[in-house]
C-alpha cells in the first residue's frame, strides 16, 4: 500500500465544487440559480474563497445533489510546534496572488506588499503562518501602507496594540 496517498491533502472545497458542477453539466450561473445565490458568489467559492457561509454551502450541496460533510481532523504534527520556512509560506500564500507569480525572493524583497495582501485577504491559517514567519513588527510595518483598507488596519492595530499612521 502506498503511504503517500494518505499524506495527500483533500482537494480544496472550491475545486471540489467546480468539479461536481462540471460533472453535472451545469454552468456557473445555473448552479448559482439552483443554489439561490449570485454568480459572483459561486465564482468566489470556486476560486478559493475560504470564508464560506454554512447555509450557502448547504444550498450548493443540495443543488449539486451532493452531501456536505464538515470534519475536524487533528494534525499529525502540531502547526504551532515548528516555525514555517519560506517554501511553506510561499505554498500557503501563493493562491492570494492571482495577478503575480509569487516567488520566494518576493517574500523578503516585497515583504510589506505580501503581508498586506495576506492580512486583507488571507485565511486564518495563512495569517497565522505569516505572523509566525515575519513577526509582529513586520505586520505593524505592513499595515501602514496606503493600500491597506481602514478596517484591516484598525483590526490589526487592536491585535498588535499599536496605533499606526498610514504611509502617504
Protein backbone atom coordinates (compact mmCIF):
# COMPACT_ATOMS: atom_id res chain seq x y z
CA UNK A 1 0.00 0.00 0.00
CA UNK A 2 1.28 3.46 -0.86
CA UNK A 3 1.62 5.62 2.26
CA UNK A 4 1.96 8.76 0.12
CA UNK A 5 -1.75 8.58 -0.74
CA UNK A 6 -2.61 9.03 2.94
CA UNK A 7 -0.40 12.16 3.06
CA UNK A 8 -2.12 13.96 0.20
CA UNK A 9 -4.40 16.75 1.36
CA UNK A 10 -8.02 16.58 0.26
CA UNK A 11 -8.90 18.80 -2.69
CA UNK A 12 -9.88 22.34 -1.81
CA UNK A 13 -13.59 22.85 -1.38
CA UNK A 14 -13.77 25.28 -4.30
CA UNK A 15 -12.05 22.80 -6.57
CA UNK A 16 -14.49 20.13 -5.49
CA UNK A 17 -17.49 22.39 -6.17
CA UNK A 18 -16.18 23.18 -9.66
CA UNK A 19 -15.52 19.50 -10.42
CA UNK A 20 -19.02 18.44 -9.34
CA UNK A 21 -20.61 21.32 -11.24
CA UNK A 22 -18.83 20.37 -14.45
CA UNK A 23 -19.58 16.66 -13.98
CA UNK A 24 -23.26 17.57 -13.76
CA UNK A 25 -23.05 19.77 -16.86
CA UNK A 26 -24.03 22.95 -15.04
CA UNK A 27 -22.84 26.45 -15.83
CA UNK A 28 -21.70 28.71 -13.04
CA UNK A 29 -24.81 30.85 -13.39
CA UNK A 30 -27.14 27.82 -13.46
CA UNK A 31 -25.60 26.43 -10.27
CA UNK A 32 -25.90 29.86 -8.66
CA UNK A 33 -29.59 29.94 -9.62
CA UNK A 34 -30.19 26.43 -8.25
CA UNK A 35 -28.36 27.30 -5.02
CA UNK A 36 -30.27 30.59 -4.67
CA UNK A 37 -27.11 32.68 -4.67
CA UNK A 38 -25.35 35.01 -7.09
CA UNK A 39 -22.99 34.06 -9.89
CA UNK A 40 -20.17 36.20 -8.38
CA UNK A 41 -20.60 34.34 -5.09
CA UNK A 42 -20.34 30.99 -6.87
CA UNK A 43 -17.22 32.23 -8.67
CA UNK A 44 -15.62 33.26 -5.34
CA UNK A 45 -16.45 29.88 -3.80
CA UNK A 46 -14.94 28.01 -6.76
CA UNK A 47 -11.87 30.25 -6.89
CA UNK A 48 -10.52 29.54 -3.44
CA UNK A 49 -12.65 31.78 -1.23
CA UNK A 50 -12.46 30.34 2.26
CA UNK A 51 -14.96 32.45 4.14
CA UNK A 52 -17.83 30.15 3.44
CA UNK A 53 -21.29 30.51 4.91
CA UNK A 54 -22.65 27.20 6.05
CA UNK A 55 -26.15 27.95 4.76
CA UNK A 56 -24.75 28.74 1.29
CA UNK A 57 -22.66 25.56 1.30
CA UNK A 58 -25.76 23.54 2.16
CA UNK A 59 -27.67 25.08 -0.75
CA UNK A 60 -24.75 24.43 -3.12
CA UNK A 61 -24.51 20.82 -1.94
CA UNK A 62 -28.25 20.36 -2.48
CA UNK A 63 -28.06 21.94 -5.95
CA UNK A 64 -25.21 19.54 -6.83
CA UNK A 65 -27.04 16.55 -5.33
CA UNK A 66 -24.09 16.05 -3.00
CA UNK A 67 -23.70 15.69 0.74
CA UNK A 68 -21.88 18.27 2.81
CA UNK A 69 -19.53 16.86 5.43
CA UNK A 70 -17.65 19.04 7.87
CA UNK A 71 -14.93 17.35 9.86
CA UNK A 72 -12.24 18.43 12.27
CA UNK A 73 -9.23 16.21 11.87
CA UNK A 74 -6.26 16.61 14.21
CA UNK A 75 -2.97 17.49 12.57
CA UNK A 76 -0.30 14.82 12.62
CA UNK A 77 2.15 17.42 13.86
CA UNK A 78 1.09 20.50 15.70
CA UNK A 79 1.36 23.58 13.48
CA UNK A 80 2.49 25.60 16.50
CA UNK A 81 5.47 23.36 17.13
CA UNK A 82 7.60 24.41 14.18
CA UNK A 83 8.18 27.75 12.54
CA UNK A 84 7.21 27.74 8.87
CA UNK A 85 10.02 28.08 6.33
CA UNK A 86 9.96 30.27 3.21
CA UNK A 87 8.79 27.43 0.98
CA UNK A 88 5.88 26.66 3.33
CA UNK A 89 4.89 30.34 3.40
CA UNK A 90 5.09 30.54 -0.39
CA UNK A 91 2.90 27.44 -0.77
CA UNK A 92 0.34 28.82 1.68
CA UNK A 93 0.02 32.36 0.33
CA UNK A 94 0.59 31.90 -3.42
CA UNK A 95 -3.17 31.47 -4.11
CA UNK A 96 -3.72 35.05 -2.91
CA UNK A 97 -1.51 36.36 -5.70
CA UNK A 98 -3.68 35.69 -8.72
CA UNK A 99 -2.09 38.64 -10.53
CA UNK A 100 1.56 37.76 -9.91
CA UNK A 101 3.56 34.54 -9.81
CA UNK A 102 4.88 34.80 -6.29
CA UNK A 103 8.44 33.58 -5.76
CA UNK A 104 10.47 33.04 -2.59
CA UNK A 105 12.56 36.19 -3.10
CA UNK A 106 9.31 38.23 -3.22
CA UNK A 107 8.64 37.27 0.40
CA UNK A 108 11.52 39.50 1.53
CA UNK A 109 12.04 41.86 -1.40
CA UNK A 110 8.38 42.95 -1.28
CA UNK A 111 7.55 41.94 2.27
CA UNK A 112 5.04 44.72 3.05
CA UNK A 113 3.14 44.05 -0.18
CA UNK A 114 2.98 40.30 0.55
CA UNK A 115 1.93 40.86 4.15
CA UNK A 116 -0.66 43.45 3.18
CA UNK A 117 -2.32 41.07 0.74
CA UNK A 118 -2.34 38.26 3.31
CA UNK A 119 -3.69 40.48 6.08
CA UNK A 120 -6.52 41.80 3.89
CA UNK A 121 -7.49 38.61 2.04
CA UNK A 122 -5.83 35.66 3.76
CA UNK A 123 -7.40 32.87 5.72
CA UNK A 124 -6.68 32.47 9.43
CA UNK A 125 -4.15 29.73 8.57
CA UNK A 126 -2.32 31.99 6.11
CA UNK A 127 -2.31 34.94 8.52
CA UNK A 128 -1.08 32.82 11.43
CA UNK A 129 1.74 31.37 9.34
CA UNK A 130 3.00 34.73 8.05
CA UNK A 131 2.74 36.22 11.52
CA UNK A 132 4.92 33.43 12.92
CA UNK A 133 7.34 33.70 9.99
CA UNK A 134 7.73 37.51 9.79
CA UNK A 135 6.83 38.61 13.33
CA UNK A 136 4.57 41.34 14.66
CA UNK A 137 6.97 44.20 13.83
CA UNK A 138 6.78 43.29 10.13
CA UNK A 139 2.96 43.18 10.34
CA UNK A 140 2.98 46.58 12.03
CA UNK A 141 5.04 47.97 9.16
CA UNK A 142 2.81 46.37 6.51
CA UNK A 143 -0.45 47.78 7.87
CA UNK A 144 0.87 51.32 7.47
CA UNK A 145 0.78 51.00 3.67
CA UNK A 146 -1.86 53.15 1.99
CA UNK A 147 -3.24 50.10 0.12
CA UNK A 148 -4.41 48.62 3.41
CA UNK A 149 -8.08 49.38 3.98
CA UNK A 150 -9.03 51.11 7.21
CA UNK A 151 -10.98 48.14 8.51
CA UNK A 152 -7.95 45.83 8.22
CA UNK A 153 -5.65 48.50 9.67
CA UNK A 154 -7.94 49.13 12.65
CA UNK A 155 -8.27 45.40 13.33
CA UNK A 156 -4.51 44.85 13.34
CA UNK A 157 -3.90 47.95 15.46
CA UNK A 158 -6.10 46.30 18.09
CA UNK A 159 -4.37 42.93 17.76
CA UNK A 160 -0.87 44.39 17.84
CA UNK A 161 -1.88 47.01 20.44
CA UNK A 162 -0.10 49.65 18.42
CA UNK A 163 -1.67 52.64 16.68
CA UNK A 164 -0.38 53.08 13.15
CA UNK A 165 -0.36 56.06 10.87
CA UNK A 166 -0.83 55.46 7.19
CA UNK A 167 2.05 55.96 4.74
CA UNK A 168 1.31 58.55 2.09
